[in-house]
Amino acid sequence: MKGNKDFTVWGTSLAVRGDKEISHPTFISMLDMMKGRGFTIGSDPHIDRNYSLLSKDHFAGSKGDLLFVAEKYNCGAKIEFYQEINVENRNGGRYDFDKFDKMSYLLQKRFLVEIKHMEHFLMSEGYSCDTEPVLKTSHEKVFHELNSSSRHWSSENLPGYNALDKDGKRISNGEVKYFRDRKGTLMRGTVYHNINNMWWTILNKDTYRNLACFELFDLTTKPENSVRKLSKRSGHHNPKSRFVPTEENLKQYKSLAKQAGRFGRADLANRVLVYLYEINWMSRKFEFIKKENGRLGLVETEGNPYFMGQRIGERKYDPPQAVKLYSRNLPMSSTEASWITGLRDYVTGGKPTISKWFCKDGNGEGGQAYLWPEVREQLLHIGAHV
């Protein structure tokens, strides 16, 4: 760090960076300057009381109601201001978050005056200011990113895969483009290239988004682009998603499942499997059966469809084939296997076993999530849902 001399201000803190041979004398001189401006400065009582060996590197002081603590360390020093008038933390204002916001108006102004004098002092000592600017509007924040010294790539002559909108039109900086949020609502903003295929999109004074080029479009390119609202279906819009079973309901569902017996529950589980196949949540059609030895079995009733040589619209399948039901690795996808094993345990034990992410009230989004209240209802009524 030799030769580096800079400082940073954030919140109510100021940090001086540099090797201790350089930064420590400067920091002590700054404290002397603060004494000349009316601050009372001494050692930190908390450190004196609990960690006396560290007292020589810790300080505390005040000017009226504006208080501070400070410390030196190997690569620099730090000072932090606070107050004890509007306090949330039971241990005192020095441990509060948002220290500046908790100061009264006049105390904030006093802090800003003092920090300005400290900045002038450090710059007169040859230190450079490394403080991030205070950015208020979305426009300021986006352009701060665009003009950052760490931005080492060019936004000129972008390849098509980084600069074409969803309809294949080339995007230019400063254009107004449209997009849809996750609910399908039509929105618009002014776009500026960020990196790769991502574009900063300024929506208003306070809000901006980082969107991929294929999410952006013009209203006039295609008729559907100009639809004001194109809300996607979700589970939240189905009244069944708001049904909360009572303890009595759950007790009744479990009781009916127990009374149905093992193969009665197998018939109930088969109805669920048929429905899951119909809505394409399972790619193959399975069915629980009673084997010759009286045990529970599983067959794939519609497997390996073949269409060559058949008339249009006609489907034929291989004959039903048995599937090992108690194998560790079932011969199917993990999603299908989780349904089969969950329903299998429900059939054999008579207890609710299914608790999937699309069967919880908190989830109503996603491509097919609007179907989950229907699935949940069927599972509840047969006593299979946890």
Protein backbone atom coordinates (compact mmCIF):
# COMPACT_ATOMS: atom_id res chain seq x y z
CA MET A 1 0.00 0.00 0.00
CA LYS A 2 3.05 2.27 0.09
CA GLY A 3 2.40 5.57 -1.60
CA ASN A 4 -1.40 5.14 -1.59
CA LYS A 5 -3.10 8.05 0.18
CA ASP A 6 -6.86 8.29 -0.09
CA PHE A 7 -9.99 8.59 2.04
CA THR A 8 -13.65 7.58 1.75
CA VAL A 9 -16.83 8.97 3.29
CA TRP A 10 -19.92 6.76 3.61
CA GLY A 11 -22.86 7.24 5.94
CA THR A 12 -21.47 9.03 8.99
CA SER A 13 -18.01 7.45 8.70
CA LEU A 14 -14.72 8.66 7.23
CA ALA A 15 -11.84 6.24 6.61
CA VAL A 16 -8.27 7.26 5.85
CA ARG A 17 -6.23 4.65 3.97
CA GLY A 18 -2.46 4.36 3.77
CA ASP A 19 0.51 2.82 5.55
CA LYS A 20 0.47 3.66 9.25
CA GLU A 21 3.74 5.58 8.99
CA ILE A 22 1.89 8.06 6.76
CA SER A 23 -1.80 7.80 7.69
CA HIS A 24 -1.48 7.81 11.50
CA PRO A 25 0.33 11.16 11.83
CA THR A 26 -2.14 12.68 9.35
CA PHE A 27 -5.08 11.32 11.34
CA ILE A 28 -3.74 12.74 14.63
CA SER A 29 -3.25 16.10 12.90
CA MET A 30 -6.86 15.95 11.71
CA LEU A 31 -8.03 15.34 15.30
CA ASP A 32 -6.01 18.40 16.37
CA MET A 33 -7.74 20.40 13.63
CA MET A 34 -11.10 19.21 15.02
CA LYS A 35 -10.09 20.35 18.52
CA GLY A 36 -9.49 23.79 17.07
CA ARG A 37 -13.07 23.69 15.74
CA GLY A 38 -14.53 23.08 19.19
CA PHE A 39 -14.45 19.29 19.60
CA THR A 40 -13.57 17.77 22.96
CA ILE A 41 -11.43 14.66 22.27
CA GLY A 42 -10.04 11.98 24.57
CA SER A 43 -9.69 8.20 24.84
CA ASP A 44 -12.68 5.92 24.33
CA PRO A 45 -14.18 5.09 27.79
CA HIS A 46 -15.59 1.77 26.53
CA ILE A 47 -12.13 0.64 25.36
CA ASP A 48 -10.45 1.98 28.54
CA ARG A 49 -12.84 -0.06 30.65
CA ASN A 50 -12.77 -3.35 28.74
CA TYR A 51 -9.62 -3.40 26.57
CA SER A 52 -7.11 -1.06 28.20
CA LEU A 53 -4.18 -2.33 26.08
CA LEU A 54 -5.89 -0.90 22.99
CA SER A 55 -6.62 2.52 24.47
CA LYS A 56 -3.75 4.28 22.70
CA ASP A 57 -5.36 3.58 19.31
CA HIS A 58 -8.96 4.47 20.19
CA PHE A 59 -10.54 7.88 20.65
CA ALA A 60 -13.92 9.43 21.41
CA GLY A 61 -15.15 13.00 21.30
CA SER A 62 -18.04 15.38 20.93
CA LYS A 63 -19.16 18.83 19.83
CA GLY A 64 -22.49 19.49 21.47
CA ASP A 65 -24.79 16.60 20.57
CA LEU A 66 -22.57 15.42 17.70
CA LEU A 67 -20.53 12.49 19.04
CA PHE A 68 -17.86 10.32 17.45
CA VAL A 69 -15.58 7.34 18.05
CA ALA A 70 -12.32 6.82 16.17
CA GLU A 71 -9.57 4.24 15.86
CA LYS A 72 -6.20 3.67 14.19
CA TYR A 73 -5.24 0.36 12.55
CA ASN A 74 -2.28 -0.89 10.51
CA CYS A 75 -3.45 0.34 7.10
CA GLY A 76 -5.23 3.53 8.12
CA ALA A 77 -7.76 5.03 10.53
CA LYS A 78 -11.49 5.56 10.84
CA ILE A 79 -13.86 7.99 12.51
CA GLU A 80 -17.62 7.48 12.93
CA PHE A 81 -20.17 10.07 14.08
CA TYR A 82 -23.44 9.39 15.91
CA GLN A 83 -25.95 10.92 18.36
CA GLU A 84 -27.77 9.86 21.51
CA ILE A 85 -31.05 11.78 21.13
CA ASN A 86 -33.06 9.55 18.77
CA VAL A 87 -31.87 6.03 19.60
CA GLU A 88 -33.22 2.57 18.71
CA ASN A 89 -30.44 0.21 19.85
CA ARG A 90 -30.60 -0.41 23.59
CA ASN A 91 -26.79 -0.16 23.76
CA GLY A 92 -26.75 3.38 22.44
CA GLY A 93 -26.67 5.42 19.22
CA ARG A 94 -23.18 4.30 18.23
CA TYR A 95 -24.66 0.86 17.52
CA ASP A 96 -27.67 2.08 15.52
CA PHE A 97 -28.07 1.61 11.79
CA ASP A 98 -28.91 4.63 9.57
CA LYS A 99 -27.09 7.02 11.93
CA PHE A 100 -27.44 10.02 9.60
CA ASP A 101 -31.21 9.54 9.18
CA LYS A 102 -31.66 9.40 12.95
CA MET A 103 -29.97 12.78 13.47
CA SER A 104 -32.12 15.88 13.82
CA TYR A 105 -32.08 18.37 10.93
CA LEU A 106 -29.65 20.78 12.63
CA LEU A 107 -27.38 17.94 13.74
CA GLN A 108 -27.26 16.63 10.16
CA LYS A 109 -26.19 20.07 8.97
CA ARG A 110 -23.50 20.26 11.66
CA PHE A 111 -22.19 16.85 10.64
CA LEU A 112 -22.06 17.87 6.95
CA VAL A 113 -20.13 21.07 7.81
CA GLU A 114 -17.58 19.17 9.93
CA ILE A 115 -17.08 16.39 7.38
CA LYS A 116 -16.48 19.04 4.70
CA HIS A 117 -13.70 20.62 6.81
CA MET A 118 -12.16 17.17 7.33
CA GLU A 119 -12.22 16.48 3.58
CA HIS A 120 -10.52 19.83 2.83
CA PHE A 121 -7.87 19.07 5.46
CA LEU A 122 -7.07 15.63 4.04
CA MET A 123 -6.90 16.92 0.45
CA SER A 124 -4.52 19.64 1.59
CA GLU A 125 -2.31 16.82 2.94
CA GLY A 126 -2.19 15.20 -0.50
CA TYR A 127 -4.96 12.64 -0.01
CA SER A 128 -7.38 11.86 -2.83
CA CYS A 129 -11.12 11.40 -2.30
CA ASP A 130 -12.42 7.94 -3.19
CA THR A 131 -16.01 8.53 -2.05
CA GLU A 132 -18.80 7.16 -4.23
CA PRO A 133 -21.08 9.98 -5.41
CA VAL A 134 -24.59 10.20 -3.96
CA LEU A 135 -26.89 9.11 -6.79
CA LYS A 136 -30.57 9.97 -6.39
CA THR A 137 -32.34 9.32 -9.70
CA SER A 138 -32.42 6.19 -11.82
CA HIS A 139 -30.89 8.21 -14.68
CA GLU A 140 -27.90 9.18 -12.50
CA LYS A 141 -27.42 5.59 -11.33
CA VAL A 142 -27.48 4.13 -14.86
CA PHE A 143 -25.09 6.72 -16.28
CA HIS A 144 -22.76 6.27 -13.33
CA GLU A 145 -22.52 2.59 -14.34
CA LEU A 146 -22.08 3.47 -18.02
CA ASN A 147 -19.26 5.94 -17.28
CA SER A 148 -17.54 3.79 -14.66
CA SER A 149 -13.77 3.43 -15.02
CA SER A 150 -14.18 -0.32 -14.55
CA ARG A 151 -16.29 -0.52 -17.71
CA HIS A 152 -13.69 -1.85 -20.16
CA TRP A 153 -15.96 -2.95 -23.03
CA SER A 154 -17.49 -1.01 -25.90
CA SER A 155 -21.16 -0.75 -26.82
CA GLU A 156 -20.34 0.09 -30.44
CA ASN A 157 -20.94 -2.38 -33.29
CA LEU A 158 -22.71 -4.92 -31.10
CA PRO A 159 -23.37 -8.34 -32.67
CA GLY A 160 -27.00 -9.20 -33.38
CA TYR A 161 -27.36 -11.64 -30.50
CA ASN A 162 -26.65 -8.76 -28.09
CA ALA A 163 -28.61 -6.00 -29.85
CA LEU A 164 -31.73 -7.48 -31.50
CA ASP A 165 -35.10 -7.21 -29.75
CA LYS A 166 -37.58 -10.09 -29.54
CA ASP A 167 -38.83 -9.34 -33.07
CA GLY A 168 -35.37 -9.05 -34.63
CA LYS A 169 -35.18 -5.23 -34.72
CA ARG A 170 -31.87 -3.64 -33.80
CA ILE A 171 -31.81 -1.72 -30.51
CA SER A 172 -30.04 1.65 -30.19
CA ASN A 173 -29.02 3.54 -27.06
CA GLY A 174 -31.59 6.11 -25.96
CA GLU A 175 -34.53 4.39 -27.67
CA VAL A 176 -37.88 3.91 -25.94
CA LYS A 177 -38.65 0.19 -25.85
CA TYR A 178 -41.49 -1.84 -24.39
CA PHE A 179 -41.45 -5.04 -22.32
CA ARG A 180 -43.77 -7.08 -20.13
CA ASP A 181 -43.33 -7.69 -16.43
CA ARG A 182 -43.80 -11.15 -14.89
CA LYS A 183 -47.58 -10.63 -14.71
CA GLY A 184 -47.78 -9.71 -18.39
CA THR A 185 -48.39 -5.98 -17.84
CA LEU A 186 -47.10 -3.76 -20.66
CA MET A 187 -44.30 -1.42 -19.57
CA ARG A 188 -41.81 0.88 -21.28
CA GLY A 189 -38.48 2.58 -20.66
CA THR A 190 -35.47 4.26 -22.25
CA VAL A 191 -32.71 1.71 -22.93
CA TYR A 192 -28.91 1.87 -22.75
CA HIS A 193 -26.55 -1.02 -23.38
CA ASN A 194 -25.06 -2.56 -20.25
CA ILE A 195 -23.04 -5.70 -21.06
CA ASN A 196 -23.45 -8.67 -23.43
CA ASN A 197 -27.20 -8.86 -24.25
CA MET A 198 -28.31 -6.90 -21.16
CA TRP A 199 -29.74 -3.38 -21.40
CA TRP A 200 -30.38 -0.84 -18.63
CA THR A 201 -34.03 0.26 -18.96
CA ILE A 202 -34.99 3.50 -17.18
CA LEU A 203 -38.70 3.37 -16.30
CA ASN A 204 -39.07 6.60 -14.34
CA LYS A 205 -37.23 8.92 -11.95
CA ASP A 206 -36.77 6.23 -9.30
CA THR A 207 -36.88 2.90 -11.12
CA TYR A 208 -34.73 1.11 -13.68
CA ARG A 209 -34.39 -2.51 -14.76
CA ASN A 210 -31.67 -4.65 -16.32
CA LEU A 211 -33.33 -6.57 -19.19
CA ALA A 212 -32.14 -8.95 -21.91
CA CYS A 213 -32.49 -7.70 -25.49
CA PHE A 214 -35.00 -10.47 -26.31
CA GLU A 215 -37.40 -9.07 -23.66
CA LEU A 216 -37.65 -5.70 -25.45
CA PHE A 217 -39.88 -4.81 -28.42
CA ASP A 218 -41.72 -2.02 -30.30
CA LEU A 219 -45.49 -1.69 -30.19
CA THR A 220 -45.90 -1.48 -33.96
CA THR A 221 -43.92 -4.57 -34.96
CA LYS A 222 -46.65 -7.11 -34.19
CA PRO A 223 -50.34 -6.67 -33.26
CA GLU A 224 -50.02 -8.58 -29.98
CA ASN A 225 -47.21 -6.24 -28.86
CA SER A 226 -49.66 -3.37 -28.36
CA VAL A 227 -52.08 -5.23 -26.08
CA ARG A 228 -52.16 -3.12 -22.93
CA LYS A 229 -52.40 -6.04 -20.53
CA LEU A 230 -51.77 -9.68 -21.28
CA SER A 231 -51.92 -11.17 -17.80
CA LYS A 232 -50.68 -14.72 -17.48
CA ARG A 233 -52.83 -17.24 -15.70
CA SER A 234 -51.74 -18.04 -12.18
CA GLY A 235 -52.91 -20.16 -9.29
CA HIS A 236 -53.82 -17.05 -7.29
CA HIS A 237 -56.82 -16.36 -9.53
CA ASN A 238 -58.44 -19.72 -8.77
CA PRO A 239 -60.78 -19.56 -5.72
CA LYS A 240 -59.61 -23.06 -4.79
CA SER A 241 -56.19 -21.64 -3.99
CA ARG A 242 -57.74 -19.70 -1.10
CA PHE A 243 -59.41 -22.73 0.47
CA VAL A 244 -57.89 -23.49 3.88
CA PRO A 245 -59.10 -26.83 5.28
CA THR A 246 -60.09 -26.87 8.93
CA GLU A 247 -58.83 -29.45 11.39
CA GLU A 248 -62.22 -31.14 11.06
CA ASN A 249 -61.85 -31.24 7.26
CA LEU A 250 -58.41 -32.83 7.49
CA LYS A 251 -59.62 -35.35 10.06
CA GLN A 252 -62.52 -36.30 7.76
CA TYR A 253 -60.23 -36.71 4.70
CA LYS A 254 -57.85 -38.95 6.65
CA SER A 255 -60.71 -40.99 8.05
CA LEU A 256 -62.17 -41.64 4.59
CA ALA A 257 -58.74 -42.69 3.34
CA LYS A 258 -58.39 -45.17 6.20
CA GLN A 259 -61.88 -46.61 5.60
CA ALA A 260 -61.22 -47.08 1.88
CA GLY A 261 -58.61 -49.74 2.57
CA ARG A 262 -55.41 -50.30 0.67
CA PHE A 263 -56.85 -51.04 -2.76
CA GLY A 264 -59.62 -48.51 -2.31
CA ARG A 265 -56.86 -45.93 -1.87
CA ALA A 266 -55.16 -47.36 -4.95
CA ASP A 267 -58.27 -46.50 -7.00
CA LEU A 268 -58.25 -42.96 -5.56
CA ALA A 269 -54.54 -42.58 -6.36
CA ASN A 270 -55.14 -43.82 -9.92
CA ARG A 271 -57.62 -41.00 -10.48
CA VAL A 272 -54.89 -38.52 -9.54
CA LEU A 273 -52.42 -40.23 -11.91
CA VAL A 274 -54.95 -40.01 -14.76
CA TYR A 275 -55.44 -36.30 -14.11
CA LEU A 276 -51.69 -35.61 -13.93
CA TYR A 277 -51.29 -37.36 -17.29
CA GLU A 278 -54.14 -35.36 -18.82
CA ILE A 279 -52.60 -32.02 -17.81
CA ASN A 280 -49.10 -33.14 -18.95
CA TRP A 281 -47.56 -33.11 -15.49
CA MET A 282 -46.62 -36.73 -16.20
CA SER A 283 -45.44 -37.88 -19.60
CA ARG A 284 -46.55 -41.49 -19.20
CA LYS A 285 -49.71 -43.13 -17.93
CA PHE A 286 -49.28 -45.36 -14.87
CA GLU A 287 -51.75 -47.35 -12.79
CA PHE A 288 -51.57 -49.08 -9.43
CA ILE A 289 -52.82 -52.70 -9.54
CA LYS A 290 -53.36 -55.66 -7.25
CA LYS A 291 -50.84 -58.38 -8.14
CA GLU A 292 -51.64 -62.10 -8.06
CA ASN A 293 -49.82 -62.47 -4.74
CA GLY A 294 -52.02 -59.75 -3.21
CA ARG A 295 -49.32 -57.09 -3.13
CA LEU A 296 -49.45 -53.63 -4.66
CA GLY A 297 -48.01 -53.34 -8.16
CA LEU A 298 -47.59 -50.76 -10.91
CA VAL A 299 -48.09 -50.95 -14.68
CA GLU A 300 -47.45 -48.48 -17.46
CA THR A 301 -50.72 -48.61 -19.37
CA GLU A 302 -49.76 -46.36 -22.28
CA GLY A 303 -46.11 -46.75 -23.08
CA ASN A 304 -43.89 -46.39 -26.13
CA PRO A 305 -46.47 -44.97 -28.57
CA TYR A 306 -45.90 -45.84 -32.19
CA PHE A 307 -47.55 -44.04 -35.12
CA MET A 308 -45.79 -45.24 -38.28
CA GLY A 309 -48.29 -46.68 -40.73
CA GLN A 310 -51.31 -45.45 -38.77
CA ARG A 311 -54.04 -43.10 -39.96
CA ILE A 312 -53.81 -39.43 -38.92
CA GLY A 313 -55.16 -39.00 -35.41
CA GLU A 314 -54.88 -42.71 -34.57
CA ARG A 315 -52.59 -43.78 -31.76
CA LYS A 316 -51.45 -47.22 -30.69
CA TYR A 317 -49.32 -48.22 -27.75
CA ASP A 318 -47.34 -51.26 -26.69
CA PRO A 319 -49.23 -53.60 -24.34
CA PRO A 320 -49.21 -52.57 -20.63
CA GLN A 321 -46.00 -53.57 -18.91
CA ALA A 322 -45.17 -54.04 -15.26
CA VAL A 323 -42.88 -51.55 -13.50
CA LYS A 324 -40.89 -52.36 -10.37
CA LEU A 325 -42.65 -50.31 -7.70
CA TYR A 326 -40.18 -50.70 -4.83
CA SER A 327 -36.95 -50.19 -6.77
CA ARG A 328 -34.56 -47.52 -5.46
CA ASN A 329 -34.33 -46.00 -8.94
CA LEU A 330 -37.65 -46.19 -10.73
CA PRO A 331 -37.44 -46.35 -14.56
CA MET A 332 -38.91 -42.86 -15.10
CA SER A 333 -38.09 -39.20 -14.63
CA SER A 334 -37.40 -37.91 -11.12
CA THR A 335 -40.64 -35.88 -11.19
CA GLU A 336 -42.71 -38.92 -12.13
CA ALA A 337 -40.87 -41.05 -9.59
CA SER A 338 -41.64 -38.57 -6.80
CA TRP A 339 -45.35 -38.71 -7.62
CA ILE A 340 -45.34 -42.52 -7.82
CA THR A 341 -43.43 -43.03 -4.55
CA GLY A 342 -45.57 -40.45 -2.73
CA LEU A 343 -48.83 -42.01 -3.84
CA ARG A 344 -47.45 -45.50 -3.25
CA ASP A 345 -46.72 -44.65 0.39
CA TYR A 346 -50.16 -43.07 0.72
CA VAL A 347 -51.80 -46.27 -0.60
CA THR A 348 -49.84 -48.63 1.63
CA GLY A 349 -49.88 -46.54 4.82
CA GLY A 350 -53.16 -44.66 4.56
CA LYS A 351 -51.44 -41.42 5.61
CA PRO A 352 -51.00 -38.12 3.67
CA THR A 353 -47.60 -38.10 1.97
CA ILE A 354 -47.70 -35.55 -0.89
CA SER A 355 -46.30 -32.07 -0.26
CA LYS A 356 -44.94 -30.58 -3.50
CA TRP A 357 -43.95 -26.99 -4.23
CA PHE A 358 -46.92 -26.55 -6.57
CA CYS A 359 -49.30 -27.63 -3.83
CA LYS A 360 -48.46 -24.85 -1.37
CA ASP A 361 -50.56 -21.71 -1.02
CA GLY A 362 -47.54 -19.44 -1.43
CA ASN A 363 -46.93 -20.45 -5.03
CA GLY A 364 -49.13 -19.27 -7.85
CA GLU A 365 -46.65 -18.28 -10.53
CA GLY A 366 -44.98 -20.25 -13.32
CA GLY A 367 -45.98 -21.66 -16.66
CA GLN A 368 -48.48 -24.27 -15.40
CA ALA A 369 -48.91 -23.10 -11.82
CA TYR A 370 -52.52 -22.12 -12.51
CA LEU A 371 -53.25 -25.88 -12.38
CA TRP A 372 -51.94 -26.47 -8.88
CA PRO A 373 -55.15 -25.55 -6.98
CA GLU A 374 -56.94 -28.30 -8.95
CA VAL A 375 -54.25 -30.85 -8.08
CA ARG A 376 -54.20 -29.72 -4.48
CA GLU A 377 -57.98 -30.12 -4.20
CA GLN A 378 -57.85 -33.70 -5.48
CA LEU A 379 -55.03 -34.62 -3.10
CA LEU A 380 -56.81 -33.06 -0.13
CA HIS A 381 -60.10 -34.85 -0.78
CA ILE A 382 -58.49 -38.29 -0.89
CA GLY A 383 -56.40 -37.57 2.22
CA ALA A 384 -53.05 -37.64 0.38
CA HIS A 385 -51.93 -34.04 0.89
CA VAL A 386 -49.72 -33.21 3.92
